[in-house]
């Protein structure tokens, strides 16, 4: 290896040739993204045993209105056979997990905010992965429940791929 490096460093043309080859390889690898030879995706999608739904009403909304929208979401979820249980937190965020840490769930303390934690059957026994279930339920729940109070937004949050948290230990 040392002989090869010494041979390259002997002349100016060999040095420039190595630099040119490296730059061409770098350019070719970068061009794989816009030409779609390789698709960019940082972390793969995964099927989890839980997902969270964030409900945000307009700031002048009451806790009663928040409860009505959360109840609408819960009624839709109860129809799903793969949902084992639903935890609703009105006027506060759910216990902190990695997704909540990333999304700032710990700061939710207003009467117009709610979180619904949806627990599913084990991912190994389910036919439908959690991300497909979220993709299927999102438009239906948003259409039916956001219209109850004007200005309501409902977001489906899946646990991102990332480092383990204390939630798995505690």
C-alpha atoms as a PDB file:
ATOM      1  CA  UNK A   1       0.000   0.000   0.000  1.00  0.00           C
ATOM      2  CA  UNK A   2       2.828   2.382   0.862  1.00  0.00           C
ATOM      3  CA  UNK A   3       4.457   1.696  -2.521  1.00  0.00           C
ATOM      4  CA  UNK A   4       1.244   2.602  -4.349  1.00  0.00           C
ATOM      5  CA  UNK A   5       0.870   5.859  -2.406  1.00  0.00           C
ATOM      6  CA  UNK A   6       4.541   6.735  -2.980  1.00  0.00           C
ATOM      7  CA  UNK A   7       4.109   5.994  -6.714  1.00  0.00           C
ATOM      8  CA  UNK A   8       1.056   8.314  -6.882  1.00  0.00           C
ATOM      9  CA  UNK A   9       2.853  11.111  -5.027  1.00  0.00           C
ATOM     10  CA  UNK A  10       5.902  11.056  -7.365  1.00  0.00           C
ATOM     11  CA  UNK A  11       4.350  13.179 -10.118  1.00  0.00           C
ATOM     12  CA  UNK A  12       1.942  16.077 -10.259  1.00  0.00           C
ATOM     13  CA  UNK A  13      -0.179  14.350 -12.955  1.00  0.00           C
ATOM     14  CA  UNK A  14      -0.785  11.245 -10.878  1.00  0.00           C
ATOM     15  CA  UNK A  15      -1.879  13.383  -7.906  1.00  0.00           C
ATOM     16  CA  UNK A  16      -4.296  15.316 -10.110  1.00  0.00           C
ATOM     17  CA  UNK A  17      -5.537  12.069 -11.653  1.00  0.00           C
ATOM     18  CA  UNK A  18      -6.396  10.629  -8.234  1.00  0.00           C
ATOM     19  CA  UNK A  19      -8.194  13.858  -7.269  1.00  0.00           C
ATOM     20  CA  UNK A  20     -10.128  13.803 -10.563  1.00  0.00           C
ATOM     21  CA  UNK A  21     -11.169  10.161 -10.060  1.00  0.00           C
ATOM     22  CA  UNK A  22     -12.336  10.883  -6.497  1.00  0.00           C
ATOM     23  CA  UNK A  23     -14.327  13.942  -7.625  1.00  0.00           C
ATOM     24  CA  UNK A  24     -15.955  11.985 -10.473  1.00  0.00           C
ATOM     25  CA  UNK A  25     -16.905   9.174  -8.076  1.00  0.00           C
ATOM     26  CA  UNK A  26     -18.363  11.719  -5.652  1.00  0.00           C
ATOM     27  CA  UNK A  27     -20.310  13.423  -8.453  1.00  0.00           C
ATOM     28  CA  UNK A  28     -21.633  10.095  -9.725  1.00  0.00           C
ATOM     29  CA  UNK A  29     -22.773   9.058  -6.243  1.00  0.00           C
ATOM     30  CA  UNK A  30     -24.549  12.389  -5.667  1.00  0.00           C
ATOM     31  CA  UNK A  31     -26.266  12.129  -9.074  1.00  0.00           C
ATOM     32  CA  UNK A  32     -27.849   8.828  -8.008  1.00  0.00           C
ATOM     33  CA  UNK A  33     -30.427  10.778  -5.962  1.00  0.00           C
ATOM     34  CA  UNK A  34     -31.878  13.093  -8.648  1.00  0.00           C
ATOM     35  CA  UNK A  35     -31.795  10.322 -11.268  1.00  0.00           C
ATOM     36  CA  UNK A  36     -33.609   8.040  -8.759  1.00  0.00           C
ATOM     37  CA  UNK A  37     -31.129   5.213  -9.144  1.00  0.00           C
ATOM     38  CA  UNK A  38     -31.118   5.219  -5.343  1.00  0.00           C
ATOM     39  CA  UNK A  39     -34.037   6.469  -3.236  1.00  0.00           C
ATOM     40  CA  UNK A  40     -33.187   8.673  -0.255  1.00  0.00           C
ATOM     41  CA  UNK A  41     -34.608   7.446   3.014  1.00  0.00           C
ATOM     42  CA  UNK A  42     -32.797   7.904   6.279  1.00  0.00           C
ATOM     43  CA  UNK A  43     -34.472   5.252   8.419  1.00  0.00           C
ATOM     44  CA  UNK A  44     -36.842   2.506   7.349  1.00  0.00           C
ATOM     45  CA  UNK A  45     -40.501   2.506   8.348  1.00  0.00           C
ATOM     46  CA  UNK A  46     -41.310   0.104  11.115  1.00  0.00           C
ATOM     47  CA  UNK A  47     -44.381  -1.482  12.548  1.00  0.00           C
ATOM     48  CA  UNK A  48     -44.854  -0.563  16.194  1.00  0.00           C
ATOM     49  CA  UNK A  49     -47.267  -1.674  18.887  1.00  0.00           C
ATOM     50  CA  UNK A  50     -48.457   1.880  19.535  1.00  0.00           C
ATOM     51  CA  UNK A  51     -49.019   5.265  17.939  1.00  0.00           C
ATOM     52  CA  UNK A  52     -50.221   8.633  19.236  1.00  0.00           C
ATOM     53  CA  UNK A  53     -52.824  11.077  17.967  1.00  0.00           C
ATOM     54  CA  UNK A  54     -52.353  14.795  18.743  1.00  0.00           C
ATOM     55  CA  UNK A  55     -55.533  16.869  18.884  1.00  0.00           C
ATOM     56  CA  UNK A  56     -55.202  20.663  18.783  1.00  0.00           C
ATOM     57  CA  UNK A  57     -58.284  22.891  18.868  1.00  0.00           C
ATOM     58  CA  UNK A  58     -58.303  26.693  18.521  1.00  0.00           C
ATOM     59  CA  UNK A  59     -56.920  28.436  21.628  1.00  0.00           C
ATOM     60  CA  UNK A  60     -60.331  29.725  22.745  1.00  0.00           C
ATOM     61  CA  UNK A  61     -61.830  26.202  22.885  1.00  0.00           C
ATOM     62  CA  UNK A  62     -63.079  24.666  26.124  1.00  0.00           C
ATOM     63  CA  UNK A  63     -62.030  21.377  27.678  1.00  0.00           C
ATOM     64  CA  UNK A  64     -65.555  20.133  26.882  1.00  0.00           C
ATOM     65  CA  UNK A  65     -65.006  20.746  23.150  1.00  0.00           C
ATOM     66  CA  UNK A  66     -61.635  19.026  23.379  1.00  0.00           C
ATOM     67  CA  UNK A  67     -63.309  16.044  25.063  1.00  0.00           C
ATOM     68  CA  UNK A  68     -65.954  15.864  22.294  1.00  0.00           C
ATOM     69  CA  UNK A  69     -63.309  15.707  19.560  1.00  0.00           C
ATOM     70  CA  UNK A  70     -61.260  13.157  21.533  1.00  0.00           C
ATOM     71  CA  UNK A  71     -64.413  11.055  21.999  1.00  0.00           C
ATOM     72  CA  UNK A  72     -65.033  11.147  18.232  1.00  0.00           C
ATOM     73  CA  UNK A  73     -61.477   9.891  17.652  1.00  0.00           C
ATOM     74  CA  UNK A  74     -61.975   7.184  20.278  1.00  0.00           C
ATOM     75  CA  UNK A  75     -65.222   5.980  18.685  1.00  0.00           C
ATOM     76  CA  UNK A  76     -63.450   5.448  15.363  1.00  0.00           C
ATOM     77  CA  UNK A  77     -60.591   3.592  17.058  1.00  0.00           C
ATOM     78  CA  UNK A  78     -62.942   1.281  18.996  1.00  0.00           C
ATOM     79  CA  UNK A  79     -64.135  -0.156  15.679  1.00  0.00           C
ATOM     80  CA  UNK A  80     -60.630  -1.481  14.921  1.00  0.00           C
ATOM     81  CA  UNK A  81     -60.147  -5.078  16.054  1.00  0.00           C
ATOM     82  CA  UNK A  82     -56.364  -4.672  16.350  1.00  0.00           C
ATOM     83  CA  UNK A  83     -56.662  -1.809  18.875  1.00  0.00           C
ATOM     84  CA  UNK A  84     -56.291  -3.267  22.371  1.00  0.00           C
ATOM     85  CA  UNK A  85     -56.859  -0.058  24.352  1.00  0.00           C
ATOM     86  CA  UNK A  86     -56.931   3.715  24.066  1.00  0.00           C
ATOM     87  CA  UNK A  87     -55.515   6.222  26.568  1.00  0.00           C
ATOM     88  CA  UNK A  88     -56.869   9.783  26.295  1.00  0.00           C
ATOM     89  CA  UNK A  89     -55.103  12.709  27.970  1.00  0.00           C
ATOM     90  CA  UNK A  90     -57.200  15.905  27.979  1.00  0.00           C
ATOM     91  CA  UNK A  91     -55.444  19.203  28.620  1.00  0.00           C
ATOM     92  CA  UNK A  92     -52.057  17.534  28.901  1.00  0.00           C
ATOM     93  CA  UNK A  93     -49.572  15.428  27.019  1.00  0.00           C
ATOM     94  CA  UNK A  94     -49.184  11.687  27.350  1.00  0.00           C
ATOM     95  CA  UNK A  95     -46.296  10.299  29.426  1.00  0.00           C
ATOM     96  CA  UNK A  96     -43.081  11.224  27.673  1.00  0.00           C
ATOM     97  CA  UNK A  97     -41.624   8.803  25.126  1.00  0.00           C
ATOM     98  CA  UNK A  98     -39.143   9.300  22.288  1.00  0.00           C
ATOM     99  CA  UNK A  99     -41.780  10.660  19.866  1.00  0.00           C
ATOM    100  CA  UNK A 100     -43.032  13.061  22.546  1.00  0.00           C
ATOM    101  CA  UNK A 101     -39.496  14.174  23.259  1.00  0.00           C
ATOM    102  CA  UNK A 102     -38.932  14.944  19.581  1.00  0.00           C
ATOM    103  CA  UNK A 103     -42.340  16.664  19.147  1.00  0.00           C
ATOM    104  CA  UNK A 104     -42.354  18.599  22.454  1.00  0.00           C
ATOM    105  CA  UNK A 105     -45.298  16.721  23.939  1.00  0.00           C
ATOM    106  CA  UNK A 106     -44.155  17.534  27.473  1.00  0.00           C
ATOM    107  CA  UNK A 107     -45.184  21.194  26.988  1.00  0.00           C
ATOM    108  CA  UNK A 108     -48.862  20.407  26.322  1.00  0.00           C
ATOM    109  CA  UNK A 109     -50.806  21.769  29.287  1.00  0.00           C
ATOM    110  CA  UNK A 110     -53.690  23.690  27.712  1.00  0.00           C
ATOM    111  CA  UNK A 111     -57.413  22.897  27.763  1.00  0.00           C
ATOM    112  CA  UNK A 112     -57.568  22.923  23.963  1.00  0.00           C
ATOM    113  CA  UNK A 113     -54.977  20.132  23.570  1.00  0.00           C
ATOM    114  CA  UNK A 114     -55.316  16.377  23.907  1.00  0.00           C
ATOM    115  CA  UNK A 115     -53.327  13.261  23.130  1.00  0.00           C
ATOM    116  CA  UNK A 116     -54.699   9.818  22.410  1.00  0.00           C
ATOM    117  CA  UNK A 117     -52.282   6.910  22.817  1.00  0.00           C
ATOM    118  CA  UNK A 118     -53.400   3.897  20.786  1.00  0.00           C
ATOM    119  CA  UNK A 119     -52.085   0.487  21.838  1.00  0.00           C
ATOM    120  CA  UNK A 120     -52.241  -2.301  19.270  1.00  0.00           C
ATOM    121  CA  UNK A 121     -51.955  -6.060  19.300  1.00  0.00           C
ATOM    122  CA  UNK A 122     -48.437  -7.445  18.980  1.00  0.00           C
ATOM    123  CA  UNK A 123     -46.838  -6.482  15.671  1.00  0.00           C
ATOM    124  CA  UNK A 124     -45.870 -10.105  14.987  1.00  0.00           C
ATOM    125  CA  UNK A 125     -49.475 -11.326  15.140  1.00  0.00           C
ATOM    126  CA  UNK A 126     -51.073  -8.402  13.253  1.00  0.00           C
ATOM    127  CA  UNK A 127     -51.789  -8.584   9.544  1.00  0.00           C
ATOM    128  CA  UNK A 128     -51.617  -4.805   9.026  1.00  0.00           C
ATOM    129  CA  UNK A 129     -48.475  -2.894  10.074  1.00  0.00           C
ATOM    130  CA  UNK A 130     -49.038   0.168  12.260  1.00  0.00           C
ATOM    131  CA  UNK A 131     -47.899   2.646   9.600  1.00  0.00           C
ATOM    132  CA  UNK A 132     -50.450   1.225   7.137  1.00  0.00           C
ATOM    133  CA  UNK A 133     -53.178   1.446   9.781  1.00  0.00           C
ATOM    134  CA  UNK A 134     -52.279   5.092  10.431  1.00  0.00           C
ATOM    135  CA  UNK A 135     -52.291   5.759   6.688  1.00  0.00           C
ATOM    136  CA  UNK A 136     -55.767   4.203   6.411  1.00  0.00           C
ATOM    137  CA  UNK A 137     -57.325   5.816   9.519  1.00  0.00           C
ATOM    138  CA  UNK A 138     -55.898   9.335   9.171  1.00  0.00           C
ATOM    139  CA  UNK A 139     -58.198  10.681   6.401  1.00  0.00           C
ATOM    140  CA  UNK A 140     -61.350   9.142   7.917  1.00  0.00           C
ATOM    141  CA  UNK A 141     -60.757  10.453  11.444  1.00  0.00           C
ATOM    142  CA  UNK A 142     -59.599  13.868  10.229  1.00  0.00           C
ATOM    143  CA  UNK A 143     -62.669  14.226   8.002  1.00  0.00           C
ATOM    144  CA  UNK A 144     -65.181  13.190  10.665  1.00  0.00           C
ATOM    145  CA  UNK A 145     -63.640  14.711  13.813  1.00  0.00           C
ATOM    146  CA  UNK A 146     -61.894  17.908  12.681  1.00  0.00           C
ATOM    147  CA  UNK A 147     -65.214  19.291  11.451  1.00  0.00           C
ATOM    148  CA  UNK A 148     -66.726  19.161  14.971  1.00  0.00           C
ATOM    149  CA  UNK A 149     -64.905  22.352  16.010  1.00  0.00           C
ATOM    150  CA  UNK A 150     -63.689  24.727  13.303  1.00  0.00           C
ATOM    151  CA  UNK A 151     -59.905  25.085  13.257  1.00  0.00           C
ATOM    152  CA  UNK A 152     -59.191  21.686  14.833  1.00  0.00           C
ATOM    153  CA  UNK A 153     -56.108  19.793  13.662  1.00  0.00           C
ATOM    154  CA  UNK A 154     -55.579  16.089  14.269  1.00  0.00           C
ATOM    155  CA  UNK A 155     -52.116  14.613  13.719  1.00  0.00           C
ATOM    156  CA  UNK A 156     -51.075  10.980  13.789  1.00  0.00           C
ATOM    157  CA  UNK A 157     -47.614  10.462  15.280  1.00  0.00           C
ATOM    158  CA  UNK A 158     -45.719   7.199  15.014  1.00  0.00           C
ATOM    159  CA  UNK A 159     -42.747   6.335  17.155  1.00  0.00           C
ATOM    160  CA  UNK A 160     -39.714   7.330  15.085  1.00  0.00           C
ATOM    161  CA  UNK A 161     -36.856   4.925  14.596  1.00  0.00           C
ATOM    162  CA  UNK A 162     -34.213   5.931  17.042  1.00  0.00           C
ATOM    163  CA  UNK A 163     -32.460   5.210  20.289  1.00  0.00           C
ATOM    164  CA  UNK A 164     -34.244   3.238  22.990  1.00  0.00           C
ATOM    165  CA  UNK A 165     -35.930   5.168  25.797  1.00  0.00           C
ATOM    166  CA  UNK A 166     -36.738   4.520  29.422  1.00  0.00           C
ATOM    167  CA  UNK A 167     -40.308   3.653  28.387  1.00  0.00           C
ATOM    168  CA  UNK A 168     -39.138   0.159  27.480  1.00  0.00           C
ATOM    169  CA  UNK A 169     -37.461  -0.302  30.863  1.00  0.00           C
ATOM    170  CA  UNK A 170     -39.983   1.299  33.236  1.00  0.00           C
END
